[in-house]
Amino acid sequence: MHFKDRHEAGIKLAEQLKKYKNHKDVIVLAIPRGGVAVGYEIAKALDVELDIIVTKKIGLPGDEEFAIGSVGPDKKAILNEETVRIYNISNEYINEQKKQIIKEIERRYKLYKGKFKLQNLKNKIVILTDDGIATGFTTKAAISYIESQKPKRIILAVPVSPADFGREIKKQVDEFVCLHSTNLFFSISQFYDSFPQLDDAEVKNYLRYTNDKSK
C-alpha cells in the first residue's frame, strides 16, 4: 500500500476510527513532527482534540539513526537491553544522551505549546498516532507514559508498521489500527509518494486546530 502523503494516510486512518467521532473523552496524541500531519486529519475527521506527545530515540554511538532506546515526556528511558549489551554501550553514554534528549523534549513542548505542559489523560480514550513505525522505540516510550496516566483506553493508529511490531504491540494497547503491515519494511518513506520533513512552523499550524476548538 502506498499513500500520496501524510494527509491521505490520516484521512484513511480516520475512516477506521469512526466509532470515536464526536466522543467527548477522546484525544488524539501525535508524535512530532511527521505524526502531527496524520493526527491533524484524524482529529479533524472525528471532531476531537489534537495534542502532541514528544518522545525521542537514543541513537547508537556513531550511528544516531540506529535506535537503542528512547525517552518519553516523563523523562523515563526505555532501552533495548540486548542491543546495549551487544554493543557494550556505557551507562555514561546513555545518561548523557538522556540529559540532552530531555532538554530537547522540553524545548519542543515550549516551542509548539508555549510551555512544558503535559496532558491530563486520566479516563481519556487516547488515539496515539505517527506517520509510521520503524523501530518502535519512540512509540513504546509514548505508550509507557500514556499508561502511567491511567487512561480509559489506548488506541495506536498508524499507516504502516513492520509485521513483527504489530504482533508485539497488540499486547500493550487496547486496539491497534494499522493500514499496512509488512515484513518487507526498510523505511517509512518507502510507503509515501511525498514524504517531506515537517518544520516547526507547520507543526504549530496544525496544533492551532486544537486552540480553535477550545474557544
N, C-alpha and C. Protein backbone atom coordinates (compact mmCIF):
# COMPACT_ATOMS: atom_id res chain seq x y z
N MET A 1 0.84 -1.20 0.00
CA MET A 1 0.00 0.00 0.00
C MET A 1 0.87 1.25 0.00
N HIS A 2 0.51 2.21 -0.82
CA HIS A 2 1.20 3.49 -0.89
C HIS A 2 0.24 4.63 -0.57
N PHE A 3 0.76 5.66 0.03
CA PHE A 3 -0.02 6.85 0.33
C PHE A 3 0.53 8.03 -0.46
N LYS A 4 -0.36 8.89 -0.90
CA LYS A 4 0.07 10.09 -1.60
C LYS A 4 0.93 10.95 -0.68
N ASP A 5 0.45 11.14 0.55
CA ASP A 5 1.17 11.93 1.55
C ASP A 5 0.60 11.62 2.93
N ARG A 6 1.07 12.32 3.94
CA ARG A 6 0.60 12.08 5.31
C ARG A 6 -0.88 12.43 5.48
N HIS A 7 -1.35 13.39 4.72
CA HIS A 7 -2.76 13.77 4.83
C HIS A 7 -3.66 12.64 4.36
N GLU A 8 -3.33 12.03 3.26
CA GLU A 8 -4.13 10.89 2.79
C GLU A 8 -4.09 9.75 3.80
N ALA A 9 -2.92 9.50 4.37
CA ALA A 9 -2.80 8.45 5.38
C ALA A 9 -3.70 8.74 6.58
N GLY A 10 -3.71 9.99 7.03
CA GLY A 10 -4.54 10.36 8.17
C GLY A 10 -6.02 10.23 7.88
N ILE A 11 -6.42 10.61 6.68
CA ILE A 11 -7.84 10.51 6.29
C ILE A 11 -8.27 9.04 6.26
N LYS A 12 -7.41 8.17 5.74
CA LYS A 12 -7.75 6.75 5.67
C LYS A 12 -7.78 6.12 7.06
N LEU A 13 -6.90 6.57 7.95
CA LEU A 13 -6.94 6.07 9.32
C LEU A 13 -8.23 6.51 10.02
N ALA A 14 -8.62 7.75 9.79
CA ALA A 14 -9.84 8.27 10.41
C ALA A 14 -11.06 7.44 10.02
N GLU A 15 -11.08 6.91 8.81
CA GLU A 15 -12.19 6.07 8.37
C GLU A 15 -12.30 4.81 9.21
N GLN A 16 -11.17 4.34 9.74
CA GLN A 16 -11.17 3.14 10.58
C GLN A 16 -11.48 3.45 12.04
N LEU A 17 -11.62 4.73 12.34
CA LEU A 17 -11.83 5.16 13.73
C LEU A 17 -13.15 5.89 13.92
N LYS A 18 -14.08 5.68 13.01
CA LYS A 18 -15.35 6.43 13.02
C LYS A 18 -16.13 6.28 14.31
N LYS A 19 -15.97 5.16 14.99
CA LYS A 19 -16.75 4.94 16.22
C LYS A 19 -16.39 5.93 17.32
N TYR A 20 -15.25 6.63 17.15
CA TYR A 20 -14.83 7.60 18.14
C TYR A 20 -15.19 9.04 17.77
N LYS A 21 -15.94 9.22 16.72
CA LYS A 21 -16.31 10.55 16.26
C LYS A 21 -17.17 11.27 17.30
N ASN A 22 -16.83 12.53 17.54
CA ASN A 22 -17.58 13.39 18.48
C ASN A 22 -17.62 12.86 19.90
N HIS A 23 -16.70 12.00 20.24
CA HIS A 23 -16.67 11.44 21.60
C HIS A 23 -15.92 12.41 22.51
N LYS A 24 -16.58 12.87 23.56
CA LYS A 24 -16.00 13.93 24.40
C LYS A 24 -14.77 13.48 25.17
N ASP A 25 -14.58 12.19 25.35
CA ASP A 25 -13.43 11.70 26.11
C ASP A 25 -12.23 11.35 25.24
N VAL A 26 -12.33 11.55 23.93
CA VAL A 26 -11.27 11.15 23.01
C VAL A 26 -10.28 12.29 22.79
N ILE A 27 -9.01 11.95 22.77
CA ILE A 27 -7.97 12.89 22.39
C ILE A 27 -6.99 12.18 21.45
N VAL A 28 -6.56 12.89 20.43
CA VAL A 28 -5.54 12.37 19.52
C VAL A 28 -4.20 12.93 19.96
N LEU A 29 -3.24 12.06 20.23
CA LEU A 29 -1.88 12.46 20.56
C LEU A 29 -0.97 12.07 19.41
N ALA A 30 -0.32 13.05 18.82
CA ALA A 30 0.54 12.81 17.67
C ALA A 30 2.01 13.01 18.05
N ILE A 31 2.86 12.16 17.50
CA ILE A 31 4.30 12.27 17.74
C ILE A 31 4.91 13.18 16.69
N PRO A 32 5.50 14.32 17.11
CA PRO A 32 6.10 15.25 16.14
C PRO A 32 7.39 14.66 15.54
N ARG A 33 7.74 15.12 14.32
CA ARG A 33 6.96 16.13 13.64
C ARG A 33 5.93 15.49 12.70
N GLY A 34 6.36 14.49 11.92
CA GLY A 34 5.51 13.94 10.87
C GLY A 34 4.16 13.44 11.33
N GLY A 35 4.10 12.90 12.54
CA GLY A 35 2.85 12.36 13.03
C GLY A 35 1.78 13.41 13.23
N VAL A 36 2.17 14.68 13.36
CA VAL A 36 1.19 15.73 13.61
C VAL A 36 0.30 15.96 12.38
N ALA A 37 0.86 15.80 11.18
CA ALA A 37 0.04 15.94 9.97
C ALA A 37 -1.00 14.83 9.89
N VAL A 38 -0.61 13.62 10.27
CA VAL A 38 -1.54 12.49 10.31
C VAL A 38 -2.59 12.72 11.39
N GLY A 39 -2.13 13.12 12.57
CA GLY A 39 -3.04 13.36 13.69
C GLY A 39 -4.03 14.47 13.42
N TYR A 40 -3.60 15.48 12.70
CA TYR A 40 -4.49 16.59 12.34
C TYR A 40 -5.69 16.08 11.55
N GLU A 41 -5.45 15.22 10.57
CA GLU A 41 -6.55 14.70 9.75
C GLU A 41 -7.48 13.81 10.56
N ILE A 42 -6.91 13.03 11.47
CA ILE A 42 -7.75 12.17 12.33
C ILE A 42 -8.62 13.02 13.24
N ALA A 43 -8.00 13.98 13.92
CA ALA A 43 -8.74 14.83 14.85
C ALA A 43 -9.82 15.63 14.14
N LYS A 44 -9.50 16.13 12.97
CA LYS A 44 -10.47 16.92 12.21
C LYS A 44 -11.66 16.07 11.78
N ALA A 45 -11.39 14.86 11.31
CA ALA A 45 -12.47 13.98 10.85
C ALA A 45 -13.35 13.51 12.00
N LEU A 46 -12.75 13.27 13.15
CA LEU A 46 -13.50 12.79 14.31
C LEU A 46 -14.07 13.91 15.16
N ASP A 47 -13.62 15.14 14.88
CA ASP A 47 -14.03 16.32 15.64
C ASP A 47 -13.69 16.16 17.12
N VAL A 48 -12.41 15.84 17.36
CA VAL A 48 -11.92 15.66 18.73
C VAL A 48 -10.64 16.48 18.91
N GLU A 49 -10.14 16.51 20.11
CA GLU A 49 -8.96 17.31 20.44
C GLU A 49 -7.68 16.70 19.88
N LEU A 50 -6.77 17.56 19.47
CA LEU A 50 -5.46 17.15 18.99
C LEU A 50 -4.38 17.75 19.88
N ASP A 51 -3.39 16.94 20.24
CA ASP A 51 -2.25 17.43 21.00
C ASP A 51 -1.03 16.60 20.61
N ILE A 52 0.12 16.97 21.15
CA ILE A 52 1.34 16.25 20.85
C ILE A 52 1.80 15.42 22.04
N ILE A 53 2.60 14.41 21.75
CA ILE A 53 3.35 13.69 22.78
C ILE A 53 4.76 13.54 22.22
N VAL A 54 5.71 14.17 22.89
CA VAL A 54 7.07 14.23 22.36
C VAL A 54 7.93 13.13 22.99
N THR A 55 8.42 12.25 22.15
CA THR A 55 9.39 11.23 22.56
C THR A 55 10.56 11.30 21.59
N LYS A 56 11.69 10.81 22.01
CA LYS A 56 12.88 10.89 21.14
C LYS A 56 13.77 9.67 21.38
N LYS A 57 14.28 9.13 20.29
CA LYS A 57 15.10 7.92 20.40
C LYS A 57 16.51 8.23 20.87
N ILE A 58 17.13 7.25 21.51
CA ILE A 58 18.55 7.28 21.85
C ILE A 58 19.27 6.51 20.75
N GLY A 59 20.19 7.18 20.08
CA GLY A 59 20.89 6.55 18.97
C GLY A 59 22.15 5.81 19.40
N LEU A 60 22.54 4.87 18.58
CA LEU A 60 23.78 4.12 18.81
C LEU A 60 24.97 5.08 18.64
N PRO A 61 25.99 4.97 19.48
CA PRO A 61 27.17 5.82 19.29
C PRO A 61 27.74 5.67 17.87
N GLY A 62 27.86 6.81 17.18
CA GLY A 62 28.37 6.79 15.82
C GLY A 62 27.32 6.55 14.75
N ASP A 63 26.10 6.22 15.17
CA ASP A 63 25.01 5.97 14.21
C ASP A 63 23.69 6.35 14.87
N GLU A 64 23.37 7.64 14.84
CA GLU A 64 22.21 8.16 15.56
C GLU A 64 20.88 7.61 15.04
N GLU A 65 20.86 7.14 13.79
CA GLU A 65 19.62 6.63 13.23
C GLU A 65 19.27 5.24 13.76
N PHE A 66 20.25 4.55 14.31
CA PHE A 66 20.03 3.22 14.86
C PHE A 66 19.62 3.36 16.32
N ALA A 67 18.37 3.07 16.61
CA ALA A 67 17.84 3.31 17.96
C ALA A 67 18.22 2.19 18.91
N ILE A 68 18.70 2.59 20.09
CA ILE A 68 18.96 1.62 21.15
C ILE A 68 17.97 1.80 22.29
N GLY A 69 17.12 2.82 22.16
CA GLY A 69 16.12 3.10 23.18
C GLY A 69 15.45 4.43 22.90
N SER A 70 14.72 4.92 23.87
CA SER A 70 14.02 6.20 23.70
C SER A 70 13.68 6.78 25.06
N VAL A 71 13.36 8.08 25.03
CA VAL A 71 12.97 8.80 26.25
C VAL A 71 11.60 9.42 26.03
N GLY A 72 10.73 9.30 27.02
CA GLY A 72 9.38 9.84 26.92
C GLY A 72 9.26 11.20 27.60
N PRO A 73 8.08 11.80 27.54
CA PRO A 73 7.88 13.13 28.13
C PRO A 73 7.98 13.13 29.65
N ASP A 74 7.87 11.96 30.27
CA ASP A 74 8.03 11.86 31.72
C ASP A 74 9.49 11.67 32.11
N LYS A 75 10.39 11.78 31.10
CA LYS A 75 11.84 11.72 31.29
C LYS A 75 12.34 10.32 31.61
N LYS A 76 11.52 9.31 31.39
CA LYS A 76 11.92 7.93 31.60
C LYS A 76 12.45 7.34 30.30
N ALA A 77 13.52 6.54 30.41
CA ALA A 77 14.12 5.92 29.24
C ALA A 77 13.70 4.46 29.12
N ILE A 78 13.45 4.04 27.89
CA ILE A 78 13.22 2.64 27.58
C ILE A 78 14.38 2.18 26.72
N LEU A 79 15.05 1.10 27.11
CA LEU A 79 16.24 0.64 26.40
C LEU A 79 16.04 -0.75 25.83
N ASN A 80 16.71 -1.00 24.70
CA ASN A 80 16.83 -2.36 24.18
C ASN A 80 18.04 -2.96 24.87
N GLU A 81 17.80 -3.68 25.95
CA GLU A 81 18.90 -4.16 26.79
C GLU A 81 19.84 -5.08 26.03
N GLU A 82 19.29 -5.86 25.10
CA GLU A 82 20.14 -6.77 24.33
C GLU A 82 21.11 -6.00 23.44
N THR A 83 20.60 -4.95 22.78
CA THR A 83 21.45 -4.13 21.92
C THR A 83 22.51 -3.41 22.74
N VAL A 84 22.11 -2.89 23.90
CA VAL A 84 23.06 -2.22 24.79
C VAL A 84 24.18 -3.17 25.19
N ARG A 85 23.81 -4.42 25.46
CA ARG A 85 24.82 -5.41 25.86
C ARG A 85 25.72 -5.79 24.69
N ILE A 86 25.13 -6.04 23.52
CA ILE A 86 25.92 -6.47 22.36
C ILE A 86 26.95 -5.42 21.95
N TYR A 87 26.54 -4.15 22.00
CA TYR A 87 27.44 -3.07 21.59
C TYR A 87 28.24 -2.50 22.76
N ASN A 88 28.05 -3.08 23.93
CA ASN A 88 28.81 -2.67 25.12
C ASN A 88 28.71 -1.16 25.34
N ILE A 89 27.49 -0.65 25.35
CA ILE A 89 27.25 0.79 25.49
C ILE A 89 27.27 1.16 26.97
N SER A 90 28.04 2.17 27.29
CA SER A 90 28.25 2.53 28.69
C SER A 90 27.05 3.28 29.28
N ASN A 91 26.92 3.17 30.60
CA ASN A 91 25.89 3.93 31.31
C ASN A 91 26.14 5.43 31.18
N GLU A 92 27.41 5.82 31.10
CA GLU A 92 27.75 7.24 30.96
C GLU A 92 27.18 7.80 29.66
N TYR A 93 27.34 7.02 28.59
CA TYR A 93 26.80 7.47 27.29
C TYR A 93 25.29 7.59 27.35
N ILE A 94 24.63 6.58 27.90
CA ILE A 94 23.17 6.58 27.96
C ILE A 94 22.67 7.75 28.80
N ASN A 95 23.30 7.98 29.95
CA ASN A 95 22.87 9.08 30.83
C ASN A 95 23.07 10.44 30.18
N GLU A 96 24.18 10.61 29.46
CA GLU A 96 24.45 11.87 28.79
C GLU A 96 23.44 12.11 27.68
N GLN A 97 23.14 11.06 26.90
CA GLN A 97 22.15 11.18 25.84
C GLN A 97 20.77 11.50 26.42
N LYS A 98 20.46 10.86 27.53
CA LYS A 98 19.17 11.08 28.17
C LYS A 98 19.02 12.54 28.60
N LYS A 99 20.08 13.12 29.18
CA LYS A 99 20.04 14.53 29.60
C LYS A 99 19.77 15.45 28.41
N GLN A 100 20.48 15.19 27.30
CA GLN A 100 20.31 16.03 26.12
C GLN A 100 18.92 15.89 25.52
N ILE A 101 18.41 14.66 25.52
CA ILE A 101 17.09 14.41 24.96
C ILE A 101 16.00 15.06 25.79
N ILE A 102 16.13 15.00 27.11
CA ILE A 102 15.15 15.64 27.99
C ILE A 102 15.07 17.14 27.70
N LYS A 103 16.23 17.77 27.49
CA LYS A 103 16.24 19.20 27.14
C LYS A 103 15.53 19.44 25.82
N GLU A 104 15.75 18.56 24.85
CA GLU A 104 15.12 18.72 23.54
C GLU A 104 13.61 18.50 23.63
N ILE A 105 13.18 17.54 24.43
CA ILE A 105 11.74 17.30 24.62
C ILE A 105 11.08 18.54 25.22
N GLU A 106 11.69 19.11 26.25
CA GLU A 106 11.15 20.31 26.88
C GLU A 106 11.14 21.47 25.90
N ARG A 107 12.20 21.60 25.09
CA ARG A 107 12.27 22.67 24.09
C ARG A 107 11.12 22.57 23.10
N ARG A 108 10.84 21.35 22.66
CA ARG A 108 9.78 21.17 21.66
C ARG A 108 8.41 21.49 22.24
N TYR A 109 8.16 21.07 23.47
CA TYR A 109 6.87 21.41 24.10
C TYR A 109 6.70 22.92 24.21
N LYS A 110 7.77 23.59 24.65
CA LYS A 110 7.69 25.05 24.79
C LYS A 110 7.51 25.72 23.43
N LEU A 111 8.18 25.19 22.42
CA LEU A 111 8.08 25.76 21.08
C LEU A 111 6.68 25.57 20.50
N TYR A 112 6.15 24.37 20.62
CA TYR A 112 4.86 24.05 20.00
C TYR A 112 3.66 24.51 20.81
N LYS A 113 3.80 24.52 22.15
CA LYS A 113 2.65 24.82 23.00
C LYS A 113 2.82 26.07 23.85
N GLY A 114 4.03 26.63 23.86
CA GLY A 114 4.27 27.83 24.65
C GLY A 114 4.80 27.54 26.04
N LYS A 115 4.65 26.30 26.50
CA LYS A 115 5.17 25.90 27.80
C LYS A 115 5.25 24.38 27.87
N PHE A 116 6.04 23.90 28.82
CA PHE A 116 6.18 22.47 29.00
C PHE A 116 5.02 21.97 29.87
N LYS A 117 3.96 21.57 29.21
CA LYS A 117 2.76 21.13 29.92
C LYS A 117 2.24 19.85 29.28
N LEU A 118 2.09 18.82 30.10
CA LEU A 118 1.61 17.53 29.62
C LEU A 118 0.11 17.41 29.85
N GLN A 119 -0.54 16.68 28.97
CA GLN A 119 -1.98 16.49 29.05
C GLN A 119 -2.37 15.62 30.25
N ASN A 120 -3.51 15.92 30.84
CA ASN A 120 -4.12 15.03 31.82
C ASN A 120 -4.91 13.98 31.05
N LEU A 121 -4.44 12.75 31.08
CA LEU A 121 -5.04 11.69 30.27
C LEU A 121 -5.89 10.71 31.08
N LYS A 122 -6.10 11.01 32.35
CA LYS A 122 -6.87 10.10 33.19
C LYS A 122 -8.29 9.94 32.65
N ASN A 123 -8.70 8.68 32.46
CA ASN A 123 -10.03 8.31 31.96
C ASN A 123 -10.30 8.79 30.53
N LYS A 124 -9.25 9.14 29.81
CA LYS A 124 -9.39 9.54 28.41
C LYS A 124 -9.25 8.33 27.49
N ILE A 125 -9.88 8.42 26.33
CA ILE A 125 -9.63 7.47 25.25
C ILE A 125 -8.56 8.11 24.37
N VAL A 126 -7.37 7.55 24.39
CA VAL A 126 -6.23 8.16 23.71
C VAL A 126 -5.97 7.45 22.39
N ILE A 127 -5.99 8.23 21.31
CA ILE A 127 -5.59 7.72 19.99
C ILE A 127 -4.18 8.23 19.73
N LEU A 128 -3.21 7.35 19.83
CA LEU A 128 -1.81 7.70 19.59
C LEU A 128 -1.47 7.45 18.13
N THR A 129 -0.83 8.43 17.48
CA THR A 129 -0.53 8.25 16.06
C THR A 129 0.83 8.82 15.68
N ASP A 130 1.33 8.31 14.55
CA ASP A 130 2.55 8.80 13.93
C ASP A 130 2.41 8.52 12.43
N ASP A 131 3.39 8.96 11.64
CA ASP A 131 3.27 8.72 10.20
C ASP A 131 3.74 7.32 9.81
N GLY A 132 4.19 6.56 10.78
CA GLY A 132 4.61 5.18 10.56
C GLY A 132 5.52 4.75 11.68
N ILE A 133 5.79 3.47 11.75
CA ILE A 133 6.64 2.93 12.81
C ILE A 133 7.79 2.17 12.16
N ALA A 134 9.00 2.46 12.61
CA ALA A 134 10.18 1.74 12.11
C ALA A 134 10.68 0.80 13.22
N THR A 135 11.49 1.34 14.14
CA THR A 135 11.96 0.51 15.25
C THR A 135 10.92 0.38 16.35
N GLY A 136 10.08 1.40 16.50
CA GLY A 136 9.03 1.36 17.51
C GLY A 136 9.41 1.92 18.86
N PHE A 137 10.65 2.36 19.03
CA PHE A 137 11.07 2.81 20.36
C PHE A 137 10.37 4.10 20.79
N THR A 138 10.23 5.06 19.89
CA THR A 138 9.54 6.30 20.28
C THR A 138 8.09 6.02 20.60
N THR A 139 7.48 5.09 19.87
CA THR A 139 6.09 4.72 20.13
C THR A 139 5.96 4.05 21.50
N LYS A 140 6.86 3.16 21.81
CA LYS A 140 6.81 2.46 23.10
C LYS A 140 6.99 3.43 24.27
N ALA A 141 7.85 4.43 24.10
CA ALA A 141 8.02 5.43 25.15
C ALA A 141 6.74 6.23 25.35
N ALA A 142 6.06 6.54 24.24
CA ALA A 142 4.79 7.25 24.33
C ALA A 142 3.74 6.41 25.04
N ILE A 143 3.66 5.14 24.68
CA ILE A 143 2.68 4.24 25.30
C ILE A 143 2.95 4.10 26.79
N SER A 144 4.22 3.98 27.15
CA SER A 144 4.59 3.85 28.57
C SER A 144 4.11 5.05 29.36
N TYR A 145 4.32 6.25 28.81
CA TYR A 145 3.86 7.45 29.50
C TYR A 145 2.33 7.48 29.59
N ILE A 146 1.66 7.20 28.49
CA ILE A 146 0.20 7.24 28.46
C ILE A 146 -0.37 6.26 29.49
N GLU A 147 0.18 5.07 29.56
CA GLU A 147 -0.28 4.06 30.53
C GLU A 147 -0.18 4.59 31.95
N SER A 148 0.89 5.32 32.25
CA SER A 148 1.10 5.83 33.61
C SER A 148 0.05 6.85 34.02
N GLN A 149 -0.67 7.41 33.03
CA GLN A 149 -1.67 8.43 33.31
C GLN A 149 -3.08 7.86 33.51
N LYS A 150 -3.20 6.55 33.51
CA LYS A 150 -4.47 5.86 33.78
C LYS A 150 -5.59 6.25 32.78
N PRO A 151 -5.35 6.10 31.48
CA PRO A 151 -6.40 6.40 30.52
C PRO A 151 -7.47 5.30 30.53
N LYS A 152 -8.59 5.61 29.93
CA LYS A 152 -9.66 4.61 29.81
C LYS A 152 -9.30 3.57 28.76
N ARG A 153 -8.64 4.04 27.68
CA ARG A 153 -8.35 3.15 26.56
C ARG A 153 -7.21 3.75 25.74
N ILE A 154 -6.33 2.90 25.20
CA ILE A 154 -5.25 3.35 24.32
C ILE A 154 -5.42 2.69 22.96
N ILE A 155 -5.52 3.54 21.94
CA ILE A 155 -5.60 3.06 20.56
C ILE A 155 -4.36 3.56 19.83
N LEU A 156 -3.58 2.67 19.29
CA LEU A 156 -2.45 3.05 18.46
C LEU A 156 -2.89 2.95 17.01
N ALA A 157 -2.84 4.08 16.29
CA ALA A 157 -3.31 4.11 14.90
C ALA A 157 -2.20 4.68 14.01
N VAL A 158 -1.70 3.85 13.12
CA VAL A 158 -0.60 4.27 12.24
C VAL A 158 -0.85 3.75 10.82
N PRO A 159 -0.31 4.45 9.82
CA PRO A 159 -0.47 3.99 8.44
C PRO A 159 0.29 2.70 8.15
N VAL A 160 1.55 2.61 8.63
CA VAL A 160 2.39 1.46 8.29
C VAL A 160 3.24 1.04 9.49
N SER A 161 3.56 -0.26 9.51
CA SER A 161 4.47 -0.76 10.53
C SER A 161 5.02 -2.11 10.08
N PRO A 162 6.17 -2.51 10.63
CA PRO A 162 6.67 -3.86 10.37
C PRO A 162 5.72 -4.88 10.99
N ALA A 163 5.57 -6.02 10.36
CA ALA A 163 4.63 -7.03 10.83
C ALA A 163 4.95 -7.51 12.24
N ASP A 164 6.24 -7.68 12.55
CA ASP A 164 6.59 -8.19 13.87
C ASP A 164 6.27 -7.19 14.98
N PHE A 165 6.34 -5.90 14.67
CA PHE A 165 5.98 -4.89 15.66
C PHE A 165 4.49 -5.00 15.98
N GLY A 166 3.68 -5.18 14.97
CA GLY A 166 2.23 -5.30 15.18
C GLY A 166 1.88 -6.44 16.11
N ARG A 167 2.54 -7.56 15.93
CA ARG A 167 2.27 -8.72 16.79
C ARG A 167 2.66 -8.43 18.24
N GLU A 168 3.75 -7.69 18.41
CA GLU A 168 4.24 -7.38 19.75
C GLU A 168 3.39 -6.33 20.45
N ILE A 169 3.05 -5.26 19.74
CA ILE A 169 2.41 -4.10 20.38
C ILE A 169 0.96 -4.37 20.77
N LYS A 170 0.32 -5.33 20.15
CA LYS A 170 -1.07 -5.64 20.47
C LYS A 170 -1.24 -6.04 21.94
N LYS A 171 -0.15 -6.47 22.56
CA LYS A 171 -0.21 -6.85 23.96
C LYS A 171 -0.19 -5.63 24.88
N GLN A 172 0.20 -4.46 24.34
CA GLN A 172 0.40 -3.27 25.16
C GLN A 172 -0.68 -2.21 24.99
N VAL A 173 -1.52 -2.36 23.98
CA VAL A 173 -2.58 -1.38 23.74
C VAL A 173 -3.92 -2.08 23.66
N ASP A 174 -4.99 -1.30 23.80
CA ASP A 174 -6.33 -1.87 23.74
C ASP A 174 -6.76 -2.14 22.30
N GLU A 175 -6.22 -1.34 21.38
CA GLU A 175 -6.58 -1.50 19.98
C GLU A 175 -5.42 -1.03 19.11
N PHE A 176 -5.10 -1.81 18.08
CA PHE A 176 -4.04 -1.45 17.16
C PHE A 176 -4.64 -1.36 15.75
N VAL A 177 -4.61 -0.16 15.19
CA VAL A 177 -5.14 0.08 13.85
C VAL A 177 -3.96 0.41 12.94
N CYS A 178 -3.70 -0.45 11.98
CA CYS A 178 -2.59 -0.24 11.05
C CYS A 178 -3.09 -0.56 9.64
N LEU A 179 -2.93 0.38 8.74
CA LEU A 179 -3.45 0.20 7.38
C LEU A 179 -2.60 -0.75 6.56
N HIS A 180 -1.32 -0.82 6.86
CA HIS A 180 -0.44 -1.70 6.08
C HIS A 180 0.69 -2.20 6.96
N SER A 181 0.74 -3.51 7.13
CA SER A 181 1.78 -4.15 7.94
C SER A 181 2.50 -5.17 7.06
N THR A 182 3.82 -5.12 7.05
CA THR A 182 4.58 -5.98 6.14
C THR A 182 5.93 -6.36 6.71
N ASN A 183 6.45 -7.50 6.25
CA ASN A 183 7.81 -7.90 6.60
C ASN A 183 8.85 -7.22 5.71
N LEU A 184 8.40 -6.70 4.56
CA LEU A 184 9.30 -6.03 3.62
C LEU A 184 9.36 -4.54 3.97
N PHE A 185 9.97 -4.27 5.09
CA PHE A 185 9.98 -2.91 5.64
C PHE A 185 11.41 -2.41 5.75
N PHE A 186 11.70 -1.32 5.04
CA PHE A 186 13.05 -0.75 5.07
C PHE A 186 13.05 0.65 5.68
N SER A 187 12.04 1.44 5.34
CA SER A 187 11.90 2.78 5.90
C SER A 187 10.46 3.23 5.73
N ILE A 188 10.02 4.15 6.58
CA ILE A 188 8.65 4.66 6.49
C ILE A 188 8.42 5.35 5.15
N SER A 189 9.43 6.05 4.68
CA SER A 189 9.27 6.84 3.44
C SER A 189 8.95 5.99 2.22
N GLN A 190 9.28 4.70 2.25
CA GLN A 190 9.03 3.84 1.08
C GLN A 190 7.54 3.68 0.79
N PHE A 191 6.69 4.02 1.77
CA PHE A 191 5.25 3.85 1.60
C PHE A 191 4.54 5.15 1.22
N TYR A 192 5.31 6.20 0.99
CA TYR A 192 4.74 7.51 0.64
C TYR A 192 5.30 8.02 -0.68
N ASP A 193 4.42 8.62 -1.49
CA ASP A 193 4.89 9.29 -2.70
C ASP A 193 5.56 10.61 -2.35
N SER A 194 5.01 11.29 -1.36
CA SER A 194 5.57 12.55 -0.88
C SER A 194 5.79 12.44 0.62
N PHE A 195 7.04 12.64 1.05
CA PHE A 195 7.36 12.45 2.47
C PHE A 195 8.39 13.50 2.93
N PRO A 196 8.05 14.79 2.76
CA PRO A 196 8.99 15.83 3.18
C PRO A 196 9.04 15.96 4.70
N GLN A 197 10.14 16.46 5.21
CA GLN A 197 10.24 16.74 6.64
C GLN A 197 9.36 17.94 6.98
N LEU A 198 8.61 17.84 8.06
CA LEU A 198 7.83 18.98 8.52
C LEU A 198 8.72 19.89 9.35
N ASP A 199 8.52 21.20 9.21
CA ASP A 199 9.27 22.11 10.06
C ASP A 199 8.42 22.51 11.26
N ASP A 200 9.03 23.21 12.20
CA ASP A 200 8.34 23.57 13.44
C ASP A 200 7.12 24.46 13.19
N ALA A 201 7.21 25.33 12.21
CA ALA A 201 6.09 26.23 11.91
C ALA A 201 4.87 25.43 11.45
N GLU A 202 5.09 24.40 10.66
CA GLU A 202 3.98 23.57 10.19
C GLU A 202 3.32 22.84 11.36
N VAL A 203 4.13 22.34 12.26
CA VAL A 203 3.58 21.65 13.44
C VAL A 203 2.70 22.60 14.24
N LYS A 204 3.17 23.80 14.47
CA LYS A 204 2.40 24.79 15.23
C LYS A 204 1.09 25.14 14.52
N ASN A 205 1.11 25.19 13.20
CA ASN A 205 -0.11 25.47 12.44
C ASN A 205 -1.14 24.37 12.63
N TYR A 206 -0.69 23.13 12.59
CA TYR A 206 -1.63 22.01 12.80
C TYR A 206 -2.23 22.05 14.20
N LEU A 207 -1.42 22.40 15.18
CA LEU A 207 -1.89 22.41 16.56
C LEU A 207 -2.86 23.56 16.84
N ARG A 208 -2.89 24.55 15.98
CA ARG A 208 -3.86 25.63 16.16
C ARG A 208 -5.30 25.12 16.04
N TYR A 209 -5.44 23.97 15.41
CA TYR A 209 -6.77 23.33 15.30
C TYR A 209 -7.35 23.12 16.70
N THR A 210 -6.54 22.63 17.61
CA THR A 210 -6.99 22.40 18.99
C THR A 210 -7.36 23.72 19.66
N ASN A 211 -6.52 24.73 19.47
CA ASN A 211 -6.80 26.04 20.08
C ASN A 211 -8.12 26.61 19.57
N ASP A 212 -8.40 26.46 18.29
CA ASP A 212 -9.64 26.95 17.71
C ASP A 212 -10.85 26.21 18.28
N LYS A 213 -10.69 24.88 18.51
CA LYS A 213 -11.82 24.10 19.05
C LYS A 213 -12.16 24.49 20.48
N SER A 214 -11.15 24.92 21.23
CA SER A 214 -11.38 25.21 22.64
C SER A 214 -11.99 26.58 22.89
N LYS A 215 -12.09 27.39 21.84
CA LYS A 215 -12.63 28.75 22.01
C LYS A 215 -14.15 28.73 22.06
